[in-house]
Protein backbone atom coordinates (compact mmCIF):
# COMPACT_ATOMS: atom_id res chain seq x y z
CA UNK A 1 0.00 0.00 0.00
CA UNK A 2 1.43 3.35 -0.96
CA UNK A 3 1.66 6.31 1.39
CA UNK A 4 -1.06 8.07 -0.59
CA UNK A 5 -3.37 5.06 -0.33
CA UNK A 6 -2.71 4.77 3.39
CA UNK A 7 -3.36 8.47 3.90
CA UNK A 8 -6.60 8.21 1.92
CA UNK A 9 -7.72 5.20 3.95
CA UNK A 10 -6.96 6.89 7.28
CA UNK A 11 -8.76 10.04 6.16
CA UNK A 12 -11.81 7.98 5.18
CA UNK A 13 -11.77 6.20 8.53
CA UNK A 14 -11.58 9.55 10.32
CA UNK A 15 -14.51 10.92 8.31
CA UNK A 16 -16.58 7.88 9.23
CA UNK A 17 -15.68 8.33 12.89
CA UNK A 18 -16.80 11.96 12.72
CA UNK A 19 -20.13 10.94 11.19
CA UNK A 20 -20.70 8.19 13.76
CA UNK A 21 -19.84 10.57 16.59
CA UNK A 22 -22.35 13.09 15.26
CA UNK A 23 -25.05 10.41 15.02
CA UNK A 24 -24.33 9.25 18.58
CA UNK A 25 -24.63 12.82 19.84
CA UNK A 26 -28.02 13.14 18.14
CA UNK A 27 -29.12 9.85 19.72
CA UNK A 28 -27.94 11.07 23.14
CA UNK A 29 -29.90 14.30 22.68
CA UNK A 30 -33.02 12.33 21.74
CA UNK A 31 -32.62 10.01 24.74
CA UNK A 32 -32.15 13.07 26.95
CA UNK A 33 -35.40 14.57 25.62
CA UNK A 34 -37.18 11.30 26.41
CA UNK A 35 -36.20 11.76 30.04
CA UNK A 36 -33.36 9.26 30.38
CA UNK A 37 -30.65 11.71 31.43
CA UNK A 38 -28.51 8.89 32.80
CA UNK A 39 -28.58 6.93 29.53
CA UNK A 40 -27.75 10.02 27.51
CA UNK A 41 -24.92 10.81 29.91
CA UNK A 42 -23.40 7.37 29.39
CA UNK A 43 -23.30 7.92 25.63
CA UNK A 44 -21.77 11.37 26.05
CA UNK A 45 -19.15 10.00 28.46
CA UNK A 46 -18.15 7.39 25.88
CA UNK A 47 -17.84 10.07 23.21
CA UNK A 48 -15.47 12.12 25.38
CA UNK A 49 -12.67 9.65 24.66
CA UNK A 50 -13.11 10.17 20.93
CA UNK A 51 -13.19 13.92 21.34
CA UNK A 52 -10.04 13.84 23.47
CA UNK A 53 -8.15 12.10 20.64
CA UNK A 54 -9.57 14.24 17.83
CA UNK A 55 -6.79 16.84 17.82
CA UNK A 56 -4.06 14.17 17.70
CA UNK A 57 -5.79 12.28 14.89
CA UNK A 58 -6.28 15.45 12.84
CA UNK A 59 -2.67 16.49 13.39
CA UNK A 60 -1.36 13.08 12.36
CA UNK A 61 -3.49 12.97 9.22
CA UNK A 62 -2.31 16.45 8.25
CA UNK A 63 1.32 15.51 8.76
CA UNK A 64 0.91 12.40 6.60
CA UNK A 65 -0.16 14.49 3.66
CA UNK A 66 2.71 16.99 4.03
CA UNK A 67 5.69 15.06 5.31
CA UNK A 68 8.02 12.46 3.91
CA UNK A 69 6.66 9.15 2.67
CA UNK A 70 5.94 6.53 5.29
CA UNK A 71 8.63 3.95 5.90
CA UNK A 72 8.24 0.55 4.31
CA UNK A 73 7.51 -2.22 6.75
CA UNK A 74 9.13 -5.57 6.50
CA UNK A 75 6.66 -8.22 5.66
PDB file of N, CA and C in Angstrom:
ATOM      1  N   UNK A   1       0.856  -1.169   0.000  1.00  0.00           N
ATOM      2  CA  UNK A   1       0.000   0.000   0.000  1.00  0.00           C
ATOM      3  C   UNK A   1       0.900   1.229   0.000  1.00  0.00           C
ATOM      4  N   UNK A   2       0.620   2.138  -0.879  1.00  0.00           N
ATOM      5  CA  UNK A   2       1.428   3.352  -0.963  1.00  0.00           C
ATOM      6  C   UNK A   2       1.058   4.319   0.158  1.00  0.00           C
ATOM      7  N   UNK A   3       1.922   5.296   0.353  1.00  0.00           N
ATOM      8  CA  UNK A   3       1.658   6.306   1.386  1.00  0.00           C
ATOM      9  C   UNK A   3       0.377   7.067   1.077  1.00  0.00           C
ATOM     10  N   UNK A   4       0.149   7.337  -0.207  1.00  0.00           N
ATOM     11  CA  UNK A   4      -1.058   8.066  -0.590  1.00  0.00           C
ATOM     12  C   UNK A   4      -2.300   7.222  -0.299  1.00  0.00           C
ATOM     13  N   UNK A   5      -2.238   5.932  -0.608  1.00  0.00           N
ATOM     14  CA  UNK A   5      -3.373   5.056  -0.333  1.00  0.00           C
ATOM     15  C   UNK A   5      -3.636   4.946   1.164  1.00  0.00           C
ATOM     16  N   UNK A   6      -2.566   4.845   1.935  1.00  0.00           N
ATOM     17  CA  UNK A   6      -2.714   4.767   3.389  1.00  0.00           C
ATOM     18  C   UNK A   6      -3.311   6.054   3.945  1.00  0.00           C
ATOM     19  N   UNK A   7      -2.833   7.174   3.456  1.00  0.00           N
ATOM     20  CA  UNK A   7      -3.361   8.465   3.903  1.00  0.00           C
ATOM     21  C   UNK A   7      -4.842   8.593   3.546  1.00  0.00           C
ATOM     22  N   UNK A   8      -5.197   8.165   2.345  1.00  0.00           N
ATOM     23  CA  UNK A   8      -6.597   8.212   1.917  1.00  0.00           C
ATOM     24  C   UNK A   8      -7.465   7.325   2.798  1.00  0.00           C
ATOM     25  N   UNK A   9      -6.978   6.127   3.096  1.00  0.00           N
ATOM     26  CA  UNK A   9      -7.716   5.204   3.950  1.00  0.00           C
ATOM     27  C   UNK A   9      -7.910   5.770   5.351  1.00  0.00           C
ATOM     28  N   UNK A  10      -6.855   6.317   5.931  1.00  0.00           N
ATOM     29  CA  UNK A  10      -6.959   6.889   7.277  1.00  0.00           C
ATOM     30  C   UNK A  10      -7.896   8.088   7.294  1.00  0.00           C
ATOM     31  N   UNK A  11      -7.860   8.899   6.251  1.00  0.00           N
ATOM     32  CA  UNK A  11      -8.762  10.044   6.165  1.00  0.00           C
ATOM     33  C   UNK A  11     -10.208   9.577   6.088  1.00  0.00           C
ATOM     34  N   UNK A  12     -10.462   8.535   5.289  1.00  0.00           N
ATOM     35  CA  UNK A  12     -11.810   7.981   5.182  1.00  0.00           C
ATOM     36  C   UNK A  12     -12.281   7.442   6.528  1.00  0.00           C
ATOM     37  N   UNK A  13     -11.408   6.734   7.212  1.00  0.00           N
ATOM     38  CA  UNK A  13     -11.772   6.200   8.529  1.00  0.00           C
ATOM     39  C   UNK A  13     -12.088   7.332   9.498  1.00  0.00           C
ATOM     40  N   UNK A  14     -11.323   8.405   9.440  1.00  0.00           N
ATOM     41  CA  UNK A  14     -11.579   9.552  10.320  1.00  0.00           C
ATOM     42  C   UNK A  14     -12.919  10.202   9.984  1.00  0.00           C
ATOM     43  N   UNK A  15     -13.232  10.333   8.705  1.00  0.00           N
ATOM     44  CA  UNK A  15     -14.510  10.924   8.312  1.00  0.00           C
ATOM     45  C   UNK A  15     -15.678  10.073   8.806  1.00  0.00           C
ATOM     46  N   UNK A  16     -15.528   8.766   8.732  1.00  0.00           N
ATOM     47  CA  UNK A  16     -16.580   7.879   9.233  1.00  0.00           C
ATOM     48  C   UNK A  16     -16.737   8.026  10.730  1.00  0.00           C
ATOM     49  N   UNK A  17     -15.618   8.147  11.435  1.00  0.00           N
ATOM     50  CA  UNK A  17     -15.681   8.334  12.889  1.00  0.00           C
ATOM     51  C   UNK A  17     -16.417   9.624  13.233  1.00  0.00           C
ATOM     52  N   UNK A  18     -16.138  10.678  12.485  1.00  0.00           N
ATOM     53  CA  UNK A  18     -16.799  11.963  12.722  1.00  0.00           C
ATOM     54  C   UNK A  18     -18.308  11.820  12.520  1.00  0.00           C
ATOM     55  N   UNK A  19     -18.699  11.127  11.457  1.00  0.00           N
ATOM     56  CA  UNK A  19     -20.130  10.938  11.187  1.00  0.00           C
ATOM     57  C   UNK A  19     -20.799  10.099  12.271  1.00  0.00           C
ATOM     58  N   UNK A  20     -20.132   9.039  12.699  1.00  0.00           N
ATOM     59  CA  UNK A  20     -20.701   8.191  13.760  1.00  0.00           C
ATOM     60  C   UNK A  20     -20.813   8.949  15.075  1.00  0.00           C
ATOM     61  N   UNK A  21     -19.806   9.759  15.374  1.00  0.00           N
ATOM     62  CA  UNK A  21     -19.843  10.571  16.593  1.00  0.00           C
ATOM     63  C   UNK A  21     -21.026  11.526  16.557  1.00  0.00           C
ATOM     64  N   UNK A  22     -21.229  12.160  15.407  1.00  0.00           N
ATOM     65  CA  UNK A  22     -22.355  13.085  15.259  1.00  0.00           C
ATOM     66  C   UNK A  22     -23.682  12.366  15.455  1.00  0.00           C
ATOM     67  N   UNK A  23     -23.809  11.184  14.870  1.00  0.00           N
ATOM     68  CA  UNK A  23     -25.045  10.409  15.020  1.00  0.00           C
ATOM     69  C   UNK A  23     -25.266  10.018  16.478  1.00  0.00           C
ATOM     70  N   UNK A  24     -24.206   9.622  17.165  1.00  0.00           N
ATOM     71  CA  UNK A  24     -24.329   9.247  18.580  1.00  0.00           C
ATOM     72  C   UNK A  24     -24.743  10.440  19.432  1.00  0.00           C
ATOM     73  N   UNK A  25     -24.234  11.624  19.102  1.00  0.00           N
ATOM     74  CA  UNK A  25     -24.634  12.825  19.840  1.00  0.00           C
ATOM     75  C   UNK A  25     -26.118  13.103  19.639  1.00  0.00           C
ATOM     76  N   UNK A  26     -26.596  12.936  18.404  1.00  0.00           N
ATOM     77  CA  UNK A  26     -28.020  13.137  18.139  1.00  0.00           C
ATOM     78  C   UNK A  26     -28.865  12.126  18.907  1.00  0.00           C
ATOM     79  N   UNK A  27     -28.406  10.880  18.960  1.00  0.00           N
ATOM     80  CA  UNK A  27     -29.125   9.852  19.719  1.00  0.00           C
ATOM     81  C   UNK A  27     -29.141  10.218  21.204  1.00  0.00           C
ATOM     82  N   UNK A  28     -27.999  10.669  21.728  1.00  0.00           N
ATOM     83  CA  UNK A  28     -27.939  11.066  23.138  1.00  0.00           C
ATOM     84  C   UNK A  28     -28.897  12.219  23.419  1.00  0.00           C
ATOM     85  N   UNK A  29     -28.967  13.179  22.504  1.00  0.00           N
ATOM     86  CA  UNK A  29     -29.898  14.301  22.683  1.00  0.00           C
ATOM     87  C   UNK A  29     -31.347  13.802  22.700  1.00  0.00           C
ATOM     88  N   UNK A  30     -31.663  12.872  21.792  1.00  0.00           N
ATOM     89  CA  UNK A  30     -33.018  12.329  21.742  1.00  0.00           C
ATOM     90  C   UNK A  30     -33.342  11.578  23.035  1.00  0.00           C
ATOM     91  N   UNK A  31     -32.407  10.755  23.492  1.00  0.00           N
ATOM     92  CA  UNK A  31     -32.617  10.008  24.738  1.00  0.00           C
ATOM     93  C   UNK A  31     -32.814  10.975  25.907  1.00  0.00           C
ATOM     94  N   UNK A  32     -32.030  12.048  25.909  1.00  0.00           N
ATOM     95  CA  UNK A  32     -32.154  13.071  26.948  1.00  0.00           C
ATOM     96  C   UNK A  32     -33.554  13.686  26.931  1.00  0.00           C
ATOM     97  N   UNK A  33     -34.056  13.985  25.735  1.00  0.00           N
ATOM     98  CA  UNK A  33     -35.399  14.572  25.623  1.00  0.00           C
ATOM     99  C   UNK A  33     -36.497  13.603  26.066  1.00  0.00           C
ATOM    100  N   UNK A  34     -36.204  12.298  25.976  1.00  0.00           N
ATOM    101  CA  UNK A  34     -37.179  11.296  26.411  1.00  0.00           C
ATOM    102  C   UNK A  34     -37.179  11.133  27.929  1.00  0.00           C
ATOM    103  N   UNK A  35     -36.217  11.778  28.583  1.00  0.00           N
ATOM    104  CA  UNK A  35     -36.196  11.764  30.040  1.00  0.00           C
ATOM    105  C   UNK A  35     -35.163  10.847  30.668  1.00  0.00           C
ATOM    106  N   UNK A  36     -34.385  10.162  29.836  1.00  0.00           N
ATOM    107  CA  UNK A  36     -33.361   9.264  30.379  1.00  0.00           C
ATOM    108  C   UNK A  36     -32.006   9.994  30.386  1.00  0.00           C
ATOM    109  N   UNK A  37     -31.874  10.905  31.325  1.00  0.00           N
ATOM    110  CA  UNK A  37     -30.650  11.715  31.428  1.00  0.00           C
ATOM    111  C   UNK A  37     -29.437  10.833  31.694  1.00  0.00           C
ATOM    112  N   UNK A  38     -29.608   9.796  32.485  1.00  0.00           N
ATOM    113  CA  UNK A  38     -28.510   8.893  32.803  1.00  0.00           C
ATOM    114  C   UNK A  38     -28.020   8.152  31.547  1.00  0.00           C
ATOM    115  N   UNK A  39     -28.953   7.643  30.758  1.00  0.00           N
ATOM    116  CA  UNK A  39     -28.582   6.930  29.527  1.00  0.00           C
ATOM    117  C   UNK A  39     -27.872   7.837  28.547  1.00  0.00           C
ATOM    118  N   UNK A  40     -28.376   9.052  28.392  1.00  0.00           N
ATOM    119  CA  UNK A  40     -27.746  10.024  27.506  1.00  0.00           C
ATOM    120  C   UNK A  40     -26.355  10.381  28.011  1.00  0.00           C
ATOM    121  N   UNK A  41     -26.220  10.486  29.319  1.00  0.00           N
ATOM    122  CA  UNK A  41     -24.924  10.808  29.910  1.00  0.00           C
ATOM    123  C   UNK A  41     -23.891   9.728  29.646  1.00  0.00           C
ATOM    124  N   UNK A  42     -24.324   8.471  29.662  1.00  0.00           N
ATOM    125  CA  UNK A  42     -23.402   7.367  29.387  1.00  0.00           C
ATOM    126  C   UNK A  42     -22.866   7.444  27.960  1.00  0.00           C
ATOM    127  N   UNK A  43     -23.741   7.771  27.024  1.00  0.00           N
ATOM    128  CA  UNK A  43     -23.301   7.918  25.630  1.00  0.00           C
ATOM    129  C   UNK A  43     -22.319   9.077  25.516  1.00  0.00           C
ATOM    130  N   UNK A  44     -22.647  10.200  26.133  1.00  0.00           N
ATOM    131  CA  UNK A  44     -21.766  11.374  26.053  1.00  0.00           C
ATOM    132  C   UNK A  44     -20.414  11.105  26.720  1.00  0.00           C
ATOM    133  N   UNK A  45     -20.416  10.349  27.810  1.00  0.00           N
ATOM    134  CA  UNK A  45     -19.151   9.995  28.455  1.00  0.00           C
ATOM    135  C   UNK A  45     -18.280   9.145  27.532  1.00  0.00           C
ATOM    136  N   UNK A  46     -18.899   8.215  26.825  1.00  0.00           N
ATOM    137  CA  UNK A  46     -18.154   7.386  25.884  1.00  0.00           C
ATOM    138  C   UNK A  46     -17.577   8.221  24.743  1.00  0.00           C
ATOM    139  N   UNK A  47     -18.300   9.226  24.323  1.00  0.00           N
ATOM    140  CA  UNK A  47     -17.841  10.075  23.213  1.00  0.00           C
ATOM    141  C   UNK A  47     -16.693  10.995  23.630  1.00  0.00           C
ATOM    142  N   UNK A  48     -16.556  11.247  24.919  1.00  0.00           N
ATOM    143  CA  UNK A  48     -15.474  12.125  25.377  1.00  0.00           C
ATOM    144  C   UNK A  48     -14.102  11.566  25.018  1.00  0.00           C
ATOM    145  N   UNK A  49     -13.950  10.252  25.031  1.00  0.00           N
ATOM    146  CA  UNK A  49     -12.670   9.646  24.659  1.00  0.00           C
ATOM    147  C   UNK A  49     -12.341   9.926  23.198  1.00  0.00           C
ATOM    148  N   UNK A  50     -13.344   9.856  22.341  1.00  0.00           N
ATOM    149  CA  UNK A  50     -13.115  10.168  20.928  1.00  0.00           C
ATOM    150  C   UNK A  50     -12.752  11.636  20.753  1.00  0.00           C
ATOM    151  N   UNK A  51     -13.451  12.498  21.450  1.00  0.00           N
ATOM    152  CA  UNK A  51     -13.186  13.924  21.343  1.00  0.00           C
ATOM    153  C   UNK A  51     -11.801  14.272  21.863  1.00  0.00           C
ATOM    154  N   UNK A  52     -11.359  13.572  22.897  1.00  0.00           N
ATOM    155  CA  UNK A  52     -10.037  13.841  23.465  1.00  0.00           C
ATOM    156  C   UNK A  52      -8.928  13.511  22.463  1.00  0.00           C
ATOM    157  N   UNK A  53      -9.155  12.509  21.622  1.00  0.00           N
ATOM    158  CA  UNK A  53      -8.152  12.101  20.644  1.00  0.00           C
ATOM    159  C   UNK A  53      -8.255  12.845  19.314  1.00  0.00           C
ATOM    160  N   UNK A  54      -9.300  13.613  19.126  1.00  0.00           N
ATOM    161  CA  UNK A  54      -9.567  14.241  17.834  1.00  0.00           C
ATOM    162  C   UNK A  54      -8.418  15.128  17.355  1.00  0.00           C
ATOM    163  N   UNK A  55      -7.869  15.941  18.215  1.00  0.00           N
ATOM    164  CA  UNK A  55      -6.791  16.844  17.823  1.00  0.00           C
ATOM    165  C   UNK A  55      -5.567  16.060  17.346  1.00  0.00           C
ATOM    166  N   UNK A  56      -5.206  14.996  18.077  1.00  0.00           N
ATOM    167  CA  UNK A  56      -4.057  14.173  17.698  1.00  0.00           C
ATOM    168  C   UNK A  56      -4.282  13.477  16.357  1.00  0.00           C
ATOM    169  N   UNK A  57      -5.478  12.956  16.152  1.00  0.00           N
ATOM    170  CA  UNK A  57      -5.790  12.276  14.889  1.00  0.00           C
ATOM    171  C   UNK A  57      -5.700  13.269  13.734  1.00  0.00           C
ATOM    172  N   UNK A  58      -6.298  14.430  13.903  1.00  0.00           N
ATOM    173  CA  UNK A  58      -6.276  15.445  12.837  1.00  0.00           C
ATOM    174  C   UNK A  58      -4.840  15.881  12.540  1.00  0.00           C
ATOM    175  N   UNK A  59      -4.065  16.084  13.564  1.00  0.00           N
ATOM    176  CA  UNK A  59      -2.666  16.491  13.390  1.00  0.00           C
ATOM    177  C   UNK A  59      -1.868  15.425  12.645  1.00  0.00           C
ATOM    178  N   UNK A  60      -2.079  14.175  13.011  1.00  0.00           N
ATOM    179  CA  UNK A  60      -1.364  13.076  12.362  1.00  0.00           C
ATOM    180  C   UNK A  60      -1.758  12.957  10.899  1.00  0.00           C
ATOM    181  N   UNK A  61      -3.043  13.048  10.607  1.00  0.00           N
ATOM    182  CA  UNK A  61      -3.488  12.971   9.216  1.00  0.00           C
ATOM    183  C   UNK A  61      -2.928  14.113   8.386  1.00  0.00           C
ATOM    184  N   UNK A  62      -2.877  15.293   8.963  1.00  0.00           N
ATOM    185  CA  UNK A  62      -2.314  16.446   8.254  1.00  0.00           C
ATOM    186  C   UNK A  62      -0.839  16.234   7.977  1.00  0.00           C
ATOM    187  N   UNK A  63      -0.112  15.716   8.961  1.00  0.00           N
ATOM    188  CA  UNK A  63       1.324  15.510   8.761  1.00  0.00           C
ATOM    189  C   UNK A  63       1.593  14.435   7.716  1.00  0.00           C
ATOM    190  N   UNK A  64       0.730  13.444   7.605  1.00  0.00           N
ATOM    191  CA  UNK A  64       0.908  12.395   6.598  1.00  0.00           C
ATOM    192  C   UNK A  64       0.827  12.954   5.181  1.00  0.00           C
ATOM    193  N   UNK A  65       0.005  13.943   5.001  1.00  0.00           N
ATOM    194  CA  UNK A  65      -0.162  14.494   3.661  1.00  0.00           C
ATOM    195  C   UNK A  65       0.942  15.483   3.306  1.00  0.00           C
ATOM    196  N   UNK A  66       1.689  15.974   4.295  1.00  0.00           N
ATOM    197  CA  UNK A  66       2.710  16.986   4.026  1.00  0.00           C
ATOM    198  C   UNK A  66       4.131  16.492   4.184  1.00  0.00           C
ATOM    199  N   UNK A  67       4.339  15.482   4.992  1.00  0.00           N
ATOM    200  CA  UNK A  67       5.691  15.061   5.314  1.00  0.00           C
ATOM    201  C   UNK A  67       6.190  13.972   4.379  1.00  0.00           C
ATOM    202  N   UNK A  68       7.357  13.492   4.689  1.00  0.00           N
ATOM    203  CA  UNK A  68       8.017  12.462   3.906  1.00  0.00           C
ATOM    204  C   UNK A  68       7.150  11.231   3.766  1.00  0.00           C
ATOM    205  N   UNK A  69       7.433  10.387   2.786  1.00  0.00           N
ATOM    206  CA  UNK A  69       6.664   9.152   2.672  1.00  0.00           C
ATOM    207  C   UNK A  69       6.848   8.274   3.895  1.00  0.00           C
ATOM    208  N   UNK A  70       5.871   7.449   4.150  1.00  0.00           N
ATOM    209  CA  UNK A  70       5.940   6.529   5.285  1.00  0.00           C
ATOM    210  C   UNK A  70       7.016   5.476   5.037  1.00  0.00           C
ATOM    211  N   UNK A  71       7.629   4.995   6.095  1.00  0.00           N
ATOM    212  CA  UNK A  71       8.631   3.946   5.905  1.00  0.00           C
ATOM    213  C   UNK A  71       7.990   2.647   5.448  1.00  0.00           C
ATOM    214  N   UNK A  72       8.751   1.860   4.751  1.00  0.00           N
ATOM    215  CA  UNK A  72       8.237   0.552   4.312  1.00  0.00           C
ATOM    216  C   UNK A  72       8.436  -0.432   5.457  1.00  0.00           C
ATOM    217  N   UNK A  73       7.441  -1.218   5.678  1.00  0.00           N
ATOM    218  CA  UNK A  73       7.507  -2.216   6.753  1.00  0.00           C
ATOM    219  C   UNK A  73       7.945  -3.545   6.168  1.00  0.00           C
ATOM    220  N   UNK A  74       8.715  -4.235   6.942  1.00  0.00           N
ATOM    221  CA  UNK A  74       9.134  -5.571   6.498  1.00  0.00           C
ATOM    222  C   UNK A  74       7.966  -6.524   6.610  1.00  0.00           C
ATOM    223  N   UNK A  75       7.807  -7.332   5.620  1.00  0.00           N
ATOM    224  CA  UNK A  75       6.658  -8.222   5.662  1.00  0.00           C
ATOM    225  C   UNK A  75       7.014  -9.661   5.428  1.00  0.00           C
TER     226      UNK A  75
END
